[in-house]
């Protein structure tokens, strides 16, 4: 996984939720996919903070396959509002039920 820019984190399900994007090259074309990523933090033995990716969604596209990239994430009641850009030409907002996003998160196994 090679996550690139995205949103700030928001409190979500005992941790923080981020919206990130990743880029795959198909020939000369860039294709951006998005993921919601859930992180938790814990204290280390040296009193530092360690961030752990605990769950993420499968890659998805908002409007189409191509250039679109996540920019922001906020709560609006029981919903999440995400902002994203398309082809460096347009800015969009989408509102999603937070419960639906939670259902799409796939837990990761802890490292051993």
C-alpha atoms as a PDB file:
ATOM      1  CA  UNK A   1       0.000   0.000   0.000  1.00  0.00           C
ATOM      2  CA  UNK A   2       1.316   3.388  -0.970  1.00  0.00           C
ATOM      3  CA  UNK A   3      -1.076   5.928   0.494  1.00  0.00           C
ATOM      4  CA  UNK A   4      -0.815   9.494  -0.664  1.00  0.00           C
ATOM      5  CA  UNK A   5      -2.485  12.657   0.519  1.00  0.00           C
ATOM      6  CA  UNK A   6      -5.992  12.819   1.762  1.00  0.00           C
ATOM      7  CA  UNK A   7      -8.006  14.150   4.627  1.00  0.00           C
ATOM      8  CA  UNK A   8      -7.297  15.073   8.184  1.00  0.00           C
ATOM      9  CA  UNK A   9      -8.358  12.470  10.744  1.00  0.00           C
ATOM     10  CA  UNK A  10     -11.702  12.606  12.512  1.00  0.00           C
ATOM     11  CA  UNK A  11     -12.727  10.726  15.650  1.00  0.00           C
ATOM     12  CA  UNK A  12     -14.468   7.528  14.611  1.00  0.00           C
ATOM     13  CA  UNK A  13     -15.225   4.179  16.277  1.00  0.00           C
ATOM     14  CA  UNK A  14     -12.681   4.433  19.137  1.00  0.00           C
ATOM     15  CA  UNK A  15      -9.969   5.762  16.843  1.00  0.00           C
ATOM     16  CA  UNK A  16      -9.504   8.099  13.908  1.00  0.00           C
ATOM     17  CA  UNK A  17     -10.727   7.828  10.338  1.00  0.00           C
ATOM     18  CA  UNK A  18      -8.811   9.203   7.360  1.00  0.00           C
ATOM     19  CA  UNK A  19      -9.664   9.270   3.664  1.00  0.00           C
ATOM     20  CA  UNK A  20      -6.580   8.646   1.519  1.00  0.00           C
ATOM     21  CA  UNK A  21      -5.814   8.024  -2.119  1.00  0.00           C
ATOM     22  CA  UNK A  22      -3.335   5.828  -3.919  1.00  0.00           C
ATOM     23  CA  UNK A  23      -2.191   5.949  -7.536  1.00  0.00           C
ATOM     24  CA  UNK A  24      -1.806   3.084  -9.995  1.00  0.00           C
ATOM     25  CA  UNK A  25      -0.257   3.601 -13.409  1.00  0.00           C
ATOM     26  CA  UNK A  26      -1.958   1.964 -16.399  1.00  0.00           C
ATOM     27  CA  UNK A  27       0.395   2.662 -19.267  1.00  0.00           C
ATOM     28  CA  UNK A  28       0.736   6.440 -19.292  1.00  0.00           C
ATOM     29  CA  UNK A  29      -2.501   7.001 -17.339  1.00  0.00           C
ATOM     30  CA  UNK A  30      -2.820   7.559 -13.607  1.00  0.00           C
ATOM     31  CA  UNK A  31      -5.768   5.940 -11.871  1.00  0.00           C
ATOM     32  CA  UNK A  32      -6.585   7.117  -8.372  1.00  0.00           C
ATOM     33  CA  UNK A  33      -8.319   4.867  -5.866  1.00  0.00           C
ATOM     34  CA  UNK A  34      -9.536   5.915  -2.429  1.00  0.00           C
ATOM     35  CA  UNK A  35      -9.698   4.120   0.889  1.00  0.00           C
ATOM     36  CA  UNK A  36     -11.015   4.947   4.307  1.00  0.00           C
ATOM     37  CA  UNK A  37      -8.301   4.071   6.820  1.00  0.00           C
ATOM     38  CA  UNK A  38      -8.965   3.600  10.553  1.00  0.00           C
ATOM     39  CA  UNK A  39      -6.121   4.230  13.004  1.00  0.00           C
ATOM     40  CA  UNK A  40      -5.764   3.860  16.743  1.00  0.00           C
ATOM     41  CA  UNK A  41      -2.970   5.104  18.928  1.00  0.00           C
ATOM     42  CA  UNK A  42      -1.215   3.456  21.828  1.00  0.00           C
ATOM     43  CA  UNK A  43       1.608   4.349  24.171  1.00  0.00           C
ATOM     44  CA  UNK A  44       4.946   2.651  23.668  1.00  0.00           C
ATOM     45  CA  UNK A  45       7.194   1.427  26.468  1.00  0.00           C
ATOM     46  CA  UNK A  46       9.246   4.623  26.110  1.00  0.00           C
ATOM     47  CA  UNK A  47       6.142   6.819  26.607  1.00  0.00           C
ATOM     48  CA  UNK A  48       5.922   7.599  22.913  1.00  0.00           C
ATOM     49  CA  UNK A  49       2.807   7.305  20.795  1.00  0.00           C
ATOM     50  CA  UNK A  50       2.445   4.615  18.172  1.00  0.00           C
ATOM     51  CA  UNK A  51      -0.218   4.827  15.470  1.00  0.00           C
ATOM     52  CA  UNK A  52      -1.662   1.556  14.185  1.00  0.00           C
ATOM     53  CA  UNK A  53      -3.737   0.967  11.071  1.00  0.00           C
ATOM     54  CA  UNK A  54      -6.527  -1.231  12.407  1.00  0.00           C
ATOM     55  CA  UNK A  55      -8.893  -1.361   9.420  1.00  0.00           C
ATOM     56  CA  UNK A  56      -9.328  -0.091   5.886  1.00  0.00           C
ATOM     57  CA  UNK A  57     -11.773  -0.298   3.017  1.00  0.00           C
ATOM     58  CA  UNK A  58     -11.171  -1.789  -0.376  1.00  0.00           C
ATOM     59  CA  UNK A  59     -10.145   0.810  -2.987  1.00  0.00           C
ATOM     60  CA  UNK A  60     -13.039   2.711  -4.560  1.00  0.00           C
ATOM     61  CA  UNK A  61     -13.780   5.610  -6.920  1.00  0.00           C
ATOM     62  CA  UNK A  62     -16.255   8.396  -6.284  1.00  0.00           C
ATOM     63  CA  UNK A  63     -17.310   9.301  -9.843  1.00  0.00           C
ATOM     64  CA  UNK A  64     -15.142   7.433 -12.332  1.00  0.00           C
ATOM     65  CA  UNK A  65     -11.840   5.686 -12.893  1.00  0.00           C
ATOM     66  CA  UNK A  66      -9.189   8.318 -13.515  1.00  0.00           C
ATOM     67  CA  UNK A  67      -7.855  11.376 -11.750  1.00  0.00           C
ATOM     68  CA  UNK A  68      -9.768  12.137  -8.574  1.00  0.00           C
ATOM     69  CA  UNK A  69      -8.249  12.623  -5.162  1.00  0.00           C
ATOM     70  CA  UNK A  70      -9.530  12.900  -1.618  1.00  0.00           C
ATOM     71  CA  UNK A  71      -9.026  16.213   0.155  1.00  0.00           C
ATOM     72  CA  UNK A  72     -11.129  16.470   3.336  1.00  0.00           C
ATOM     73  CA  UNK A  73     -13.404  14.621   5.737  1.00  0.00           C
ATOM     74  CA  UNK A  74     -15.897  15.901   8.320  1.00  0.00           C
ATOM     75  CA  UNK A  75     -18.899  14.733  10.321  1.00  0.00           C
ATOM     76  CA  UNK A  76     -22.416  16.010   9.736  1.00  0.00           C
ATOM     77  CA  UNK A  77     -24.615  14.331  12.329  1.00  0.00           C
ATOM     78  CA  UNK A  78     -24.747  10.611  11.502  1.00  0.00           C
ATOM     79  CA  UNK A  79     -23.070  11.202   8.141  1.00  0.00           C
ATOM     80  CA  UNK A  80     -19.568  11.814   6.849  1.00  0.00           C
ATOM     81  CA  UNK A  81     -18.872  14.536   4.297  1.00  0.00           C
ATOM     82  CA  UNK A  82     -15.878  13.962   2.020  1.00  0.00           C
ATOM     83  CA  UNK A  83     -14.377  16.471  -0.379  1.00  0.00           C
ATOM     84  CA  UNK A  84     -12.472  15.421  -3.466  1.00  0.00           C
ATOM     85  CA  UNK A  85     -11.090  16.863  -6.669  1.00  0.00           C
ATOM     86  CA  UNK A  86     -11.607  15.566 -10.206  1.00  0.00           C
ATOM     87  CA  UNK A  87      -9.011  16.020 -12.992  1.00  0.00           C
ATOM     88  CA  UNK A  88      -7.568  19.081 -11.232  1.00  0.00           C
ATOM     89  CA  UNK A  89     -10.639  20.909 -12.621  1.00  0.00           C
ATOM     90  CA  UNK A  90     -13.568  20.305 -10.272  1.00  0.00           C
ATOM     91  CA  UNK A  91     -14.242  20.113  -6.539  1.00  0.00           C
ATOM     92  CA  UNK A  92     -16.965  17.837  -5.180  1.00  0.00           C
ATOM     93  CA  UNK A  93     -18.603  16.983  -1.855  1.00  0.00           C
ATOM     94  CA  UNK A  94     -20.264  13.684  -1.069  1.00  0.00           C
ATOM     95  CA  UNK A  95     -22.260  12.793   2.049  1.00  0.00           C
ATOM     96  CA  UNK A  96     -22.182   9.183   3.238  1.00  0.00           C
ATOM     97  CA  UNK A  97     -23.865   7.471   6.198  1.00  0.00           C
ATOM     98  CA  UNK A  98     -21.148   6.853   8.818  1.00  0.00           C
ATOM     99  CA  UNK A  99     -22.693   3.451   9.604  1.00  0.00           C
ATOM    100  CA  UNK A 100     -22.241   2.378   5.962  1.00  0.00           C
ATOM    101  CA  UNK A 101     -18.579   3.405   5.994  1.00  0.00           C
ATOM    102  CA  UNK A 102     -18.054   1.481   9.258  1.00  0.00           C
ATOM    103  CA  UNK A 103     -19.476  -1.660   7.604  1.00  0.00           C
ATOM    104  CA  UNK A 104     -16.980  -1.338   4.728  1.00  0.00           C
ATOM    105  CA  UNK A 105     -13.934  -1.256   7.027  1.00  0.00           C
ATOM    106  CA  UNK A 106     -12.029  -4.552   6.950  1.00  0.00           C
ATOM    107  CA  UNK A 107     -10.103  -5.222  10.192  1.00  0.00           C
ATOM    108  CA  UNK A 108      -6.386  -5.906   9.841  1.00  0.00           C
ATOM    109  CA  UNK A 109      -4.670  -8.630  11.801  1.00  0.00           C
ATOM    110  CA  UNK A 110      -2.163  -7.335  14.352  1.00  0.00           C
ATOM    111  CA  UNK A 111       1.507  -7.792  13.490  1.00  0.00           C
ATOM    112  CA  UNK A 112       3.278 -10.602  15.321  1.00  0.00           C
END
